[in-house]
Amino acid sequence: MPIRFHKWLLAAAMVFFNASACAAEVTVSAAASLTDAFREIARGYEAQHAGARVLLNFGASGALLQQIAKGAPVDVFASADQETMDQAQQQHLIAERRDFTRNALVLILPADSRLTPASLGDLTQPGVNRITMGNPAVAPIGRYARRALENANLWTAVGPKIIHAQNVRQALDYVVRSEVDAGFVFATDAAVLKDKVKVAFSVAVDVPMTYPIARIAAGPSGEEAKRLIAYILSPAGQAVLAKYGFLQP
């Protein structure tokens, strides 16, 4: 074989190898409440798909959407609410979308707290001075919590006590470190640190707290994104979500 042709074949093989490696990489932006479950799902997916690599980015759903809208190279977006995904759809950022899981809203206290609130009305008591929740501007947990308080006609009384967090995991951290008296988080977040926080009560919300997932239309790894979403929707992916307390959509 001529040397030049041999070098050309080698170069072509390298290009093919690099392209294949890139095609097997998929970037996911997901709501902060999915952190633990998605890390395990990513490991399971990589184990079943040789050469695949899942890159994870967690944060408040609204903040993640802002990143995607500005051109962040994301393939899959998983939001903690429908409103954020609706905005993504209105901006023509996503392709197909599916609801893949569901959560619940709870009020938590530091593990050593002596407070005993049993309802939202108890948050108006003088002993409850600082309450955290995600910033409603970007965090679905904040919108759910505010909606519950408004529906109970308590926002005017409780609103001044609110300490906004960037996302639900920061709100959880505030409660763990006793920087606040109470906090609104998802039930799955409370379960992650059940030895450091305690659930005071569940909070009723008048809308389903379902999580949608979608492929980003301009994502660099469209086919890999489809495969990953299919895995998340499969019994294997759903089993991991259930393990962390997530509910069927």
Protein backbone atom coordinates (compact mmCIF):
# COMPACT_ATOMS: atom_id res chain seq x y z
CA MET A 1 0.00 0.00 0.00
CA PRO A 2 1.46 3.44 -0.93
CA ILE A 3 2.62 5.46 2.06
CA ARG A 4 0.47 8.48 1.15
CA PHE A 5 -2.67 6.36 0.89
CA HIS A 6 -1.87 4.69 4.21
CA LYS A 7 -1.54 8.11 5.87
CA TRP A 8 -4.84 9.20 4.33
CA LEU A 9 -6.59 6.13 5.71
CA LEU A 10 -5.10 6.78 9.15
CA ALA A 11 -6.23 10.40 9.07
CA ALA A 12 -9.71 9.40 7.93
CA ALA A 13 -9.92 6.83 10.71
CA MET A 14 -8.97 9.46 13.28
CA VAL A 15 -11.64 11.84 12.00
CA PHE A 16 -14.23 9.05 12.15
CA PHE A 17 -13.14 8.09 15.67
CA ASN A 18 -13.36 11.67 16.91
CA ALA A 19 -16.76 12.18 15.29
CA SER A 20 -18.04 8.98 16.88
CA ALA A 21 -16.72 10.00 20.29
CA CYS A 22 -18.46 13.39 20.02
CA ALA A 23 -21.70 11.78 18.85
CA ALA A 24 -21.75 9.59 21.97
CA GLU A 25 -21.60 12.60 24.29
CA VAL A 26 -24.92 14.08 25.44
CA THR A 27 -25.39 17.15 27.64
CA VAL A 28 -28.35 17.38 30.00
CA SER A 29 -29.64 20.45 31.83
CA ALA A 30 -31.96 19.30 34.60
CA ALA A 31 -33.84 20.76 37.55
CA ALA A 32 -31.85 20.73 40.79
CA SER A 33 -34.31 18.33 42.43
CA LEU A 34 -33.25 15.67 39.91
CA THR A 35 -29.58 15.75 40.95
CA ASP A 36 -29.28 12.42 42.73
CA ALA A 37 -31.66 10.46 40.51
CA PHE A 38 -30.16 11.72 37.25
CA ARG A 39 -26.61 11.01 38.39
CA GLU A 40 -27.58 7.38 38.93
CA ILE A 41 -29.53 7.26 35.68
CA ALA A 42 -26.50 8.63 33.83
CA ARG A 43 -24.29 5.88 35.27
CA GLY A 44 -26.80 3.24 34.24
CA TYR A 45 -27.11 4.63 30.73
CA GLU A 46 -23.34 4.79 30.25
CA ALA A 47 -23.02 1.21 31.48
CA GLN A 48 -25.52 0.02 28.87
CA HIS A 49 -24.21 2.13 25.98
CA ALA A 50 -20.53 1.60 25.29
CA GLY A 51 -18.70 4.86 24.65
CA ALA A 52 -21.60 7.04 25.78
CA ARG A 53 -20.91 9.93 28.11
CA VAL A 54 -23.62 11.93 29.89
CA LEU A 55 -22.71 15.45 31.00
CA LEU A 56 -25.03 16.84 33.69
CA ASN A 57 -25.82 20.44 34.55
CA PHE A 58 -28.23 21.16 37.43
CA GLY A 59 -29.94 24.34 38.54
CA ALA A 60 -33.23 26.20 38.77
CA SER A 61 -35.34 25.34 35.73
CA GLY A 62 -35.77 28.97 34.72
CA ALA A 63 -32.05 29.67 34.96
CA LEU A 64 -31.30 26.63 32.81
CA LEU A 65 -33.79 27.81 30.21
CA GLN A 66 -32.04 31.18 30.07
CA GLN A 67 -28.74 29.41 29.39
CA ILE A 68 -30.29 27.34 26.60
CA ALA A 69 -31.91 30.41 25.04
CA LYS A 70 -28.49 32.07 24.93
CA GLY A 71 -27.06 29.16 22.96
CA ALA A 72 -25.64 26.81 25.59
CA PRO A 73 -24.76 23.47 23.87
CA VAL A 74 -27.46 21.39 25.56
CA ASP A 75 -29.13 18.27 24.15
CA VAL A 76 -31.76 17.43 26.77
CA PHE A 77 -33.75 19.69 29.11
CA ALA A 78 -35.68 18.39 32.14
CA SER A 79 -37.78 20.96 33.98
CA ALA A 80 -39.51 20.75 37.36
CA ASP A 81 -42.66 22.34 35.98
CA GLN A 82 -44.74 22.73 32.85
CA GLU A 83 -44.54 26.53 32.79
CA THR A 84 -40.81 26.59 32.12
CA MET A 85 -41.08 23.97 29.38
CA ASP A 86 -43.98 25.89 27.85
CA GLN A 87 -41.69 28.92 27.63
CA ALA A 88 -39.04 26.77 25.93
CA GLN A 89 -41.63 25.59 23.43
CA GLN A 90 -42.86 29.13 22.76
CA GLN A 91 -39.27 30.14 22.00
CA HIS A 92 -38.98 27.19 19.57
CA LEU A 93 -36.06 25.75 21.56
CA ILE A 94 -37.31 22.19 21.95
CA ALA A 95 -38.42 19.31 19.77
CA GLU A 96 -40.61 16.55 21.24
CA ARG A 97 -41.48 16.69 24.97
CA ARG A 98 -42.79 14.09 27.42
CA ASP A 99 -43.88 14.11 31.06
CA PHE A 100 -41.66 11.62 32.85
CA THR A 101 -42.19 11.99 36.60
CA ARG A 102 -44.03 13.87 39.34
CA ASN A 103 -43.25 15.33 42.76
CA ALA A 104 -44.94 16.79 45.84
CA LEU A 105 -44.48 19.94 47.93
CA VAL A 106 -43.61 19.79 51.63
CA LEU A 107 -42.65 22.18 54.41
CA ILE A 108 -39.51 21.14 56.27
CA LEU A 109 -37.79 22.20 59.50
CA PRO A 110 -34.27 21.72 60.85
CA ALA A 111 -34.03 18.31 62.52
CA ASP A 112 -33.60 19.86 65.98
CA SER A 113 -36.35 22.47 65.59
CA ARG A 114 -38.90 22.78 68.38
CA LEU A 115 -41.48 24.36 66.14
CA THR A 116 -44.58 22.28 65.35
CA PRO A 117 -46.42 23.92 62.44
CA ALA A 118 -49.24 21.74 61.18
CA SER A 119 -50.64 23.96 58.43
CA LEU A 120 -49.77 26.96 56.29
CA GLY A 121 -51.69 29.15 58.71
CA ASP A 122 -49.19 28.33 61.44
CA LEU A 123 -46.48 30.11 59.45
CA THR A 124 -48.01 33.42 60.54
CA GLN A 125 -47.08 32.73 64.18
CA PRO A 126 -44.43 35.01 65.78
CA GLY A 127 -42.02 32.10 66.36
CA VAL A 128 -41.68 31.51 62.62
CA ASN A 129 -39.51 34.38 61.37
CA ARG A 130 -37.57 33.13 58.34
CA ILE A 131 -38.96 30.81 55.67
CA THR A 132 -37.08 29.84 52.53
CA MET A 133 -38.21 28.84 49.07
CA GLY A 134 -36.78 29.05 45.60
CA ASN A 135 -37.01 32.37 43.82
CA PRO A 136 -40.33 32.22 41.91
CA ALA A 137 -38.72 34.10 39.01
CA VAL A 138 -36.60 31.08 38.09
CA ALA A 139 -37.40 28.18 40.44
CA PRO A 140 -40.60 26.13 40.07
CA ILE A 141 -40.51 25.24 43.78
CA GLY A 142 -40.90 28.94 44.55
CA ARG A 143 -43.86 29.31 42.21
CA TYR A 144 -45.56 26.25 43.70
CA ALA A 145 -45.01 27.53 47.26
CA ARG A 146 -46.21 31.04 46.48
CA ARG A 147 -49.25 29.64 44.67
CA ALA A 148 -50.15 27.56 47.74
CA LEU A 149 -49.80 30.57 50.04
CA GLU A 150 -51.82 32.81 47.73
CA ASN A 151 -54.58 30.21 47.45
CA ALA A 152 -54.71 30.12 51.26
CA ASN A 153 -54.83 33.95 51.38
CA LEU A 154 -51.60 33.96 53.37
CA TRP A 155 -49.09 35.56 51.01
CA THR A 156 -49.52 39.06 52.46
CA ALA A 157 -48.80 37.78 55.97
CA VAL A 158 -46.08 35.26 55.14
CA GLY A 159 -44.40 37.01 52.20
CA PRO A 160 -42.24 39.35 54.35
CA LYS A 161 -40.73 36.29 56.07
CA ILE A 162 -39.57 34.70 52.82
CA ILE A 163 -35.85 34.21 52.08
CA HIS A 164 -35.37 33.38 48.41
CA ALA A 165 -32.93 30.66 47.36
CA GLN A 166 -31.44 30.20 43.90
CA ASN A 167 -32.94 26.72 43.63
CA VAL A 168 -34.52 24.01 45.74
CA ARG A 169 -31.20 22.49 46.82
CA GLN A 170 -30.03 25.85 48.19
CA ALA A 171 -33.32 26.14 50.09
CA LEU A 172 -32.71 22.67 51.50
CA ASP A 173 -29.22 23.71 52.56
CA TYR A 174 -30.55 26.79 54.37
CA VAL A 175 -32.80 24.55 56.46
CA VAL A 176 -30.07 21.98 57.12
CA ARG A 177 -27.81 24.74 58.48
CA SER A 178 -30.68 26.25 60.54
CA GLU A 179 -30.30 29.57 58.76
CA VAL A 180 -34.09 29.65 58.48
CA ASP A 181 -36.95 28.35 60.60
CA ALA A 182 -38.65 26.45 57.78
CA GLY A 183 -38.52 25.89 54.06
CA PHE A 184 -40.58 24.77 51.10
CA VAL A 185 -38.94 21.97 49.11
CA PHE A 186 -39.94 19.00 47.01
CA ALA A 187 -40.64 15.79 48.91
CA THR A 188 -37.73 14.11 47.14
CA ASP A 189 -35.29 16.76 48.38
CA ALA A 190 -36.45 16.29 51.97
CA ALA A 191 -35.88 12.55 51.59
CA VAL A 192 -32.25 13.05 50.50
CA LEU A 193 -31.34 14.54 53.90
CA LYS A 194 -34.01 12.99 56.11
CA ASP A 195 -31.54 12.74 59.00
CA LYS A 196 -30.93 16.52 58.93
CA VAL A 197 -34.41 17.88 58.26
CA LYS A 198 -37.91 16.82 59.20
CA VAL A 199 -41.12 17.19 57.26
CA ALA A 200 -43.71 19.27 59.11
CA PHE A 201 -46.53 18.66 56.63
CA SER A 202 -47.37 18.17 52.98
CA VAL A 203 -48.63 21.18 51.05
CA ALA A 204 -51.55 20.87 48.66
CA VAL A 205 -51.07 22.47 45.25
CA ASP A 206 -53.90 22.93 42.77
CA VAL A 207 -51.86 21.91 39.72
CA PRO A 208 -50.11 18.60 38.98
CA MET A 209 -46.41 18.88 39.83
CA THR A 210 -45.27 16.95 36.77
CA TYR A 211 -41.81 17.13 35.22
CA PRO A 212 -41.46 17.35 31.42
CA ILE A 213 -38.35 16.36 29.49
CA ALA A 214 -37.50 17.45 25.95
CA ARG A 215 -34.83 17.23 23.31
CA ILE A 216 -33.30 20.58 22.41
CA ALA A 217 -34.00 21.23 18.72
CA ALA A 218 -30.54 22.66 18.04
CA GLY A 219 -28.70 20.27 20.35
CA PRO A 220 -25.43 18.92 18.94
CA SER A 221 -26.23 15.26 19.74
CA GLY A 222 -29.81 14.72 18.66
CA GLU A 223 -29.76 10.94 18.21
CA GLU A 224 -27.97 10.34 21.50
CA ALA A 225 -30.48 12.67 23.18
CA LYS A 226 -33.35 10.55 21.84
CA ARG A 227 -31.73 7.39 23.20
CA LEU A 228 -31.16 8.93 26.63
CA ILE A 229 -34.73 10.21 26.89
CA ALA A 230 -36.00 6.77 25.90
CA TYR A 231 -33.87 5.28 28.69
CA ILE A 232 -35.27 7.74 31.25
CA LEU A 233 -38.81 6.79 30.19
CA SER A 234 -37.99 3.06 30.26
CA PRO A 235 -38.62 0.79 33.28
CA ALA A 236 -34.93 1.07 34.20
CA GLY A 237 -35.01 4.86 34.33
CA GLN A 238 -38.37 4.96 36.08
CA ALA A 239 -37.12 2.52 38.72
CA VAL A 240 -34.29 4.90 39.61
CA LEU A 241 -36.69 7.82 39.88
CA ALA A 242 -38.98 5.78 42.14
CA LYS A 243 -35.99 4.86 44.30
CA TYR A 244 -35.51 8.56 45.05
CA GLY A 245 -39.17 9.12 45.83
CA PHE A 246 -40.40 10.46 42.51
CA LEU A 247 -43.93 9.55 41.45
CA GLN A 248 -45.44 8.33 38.21
CA PRO A 249 -46.52 11.30 36.03
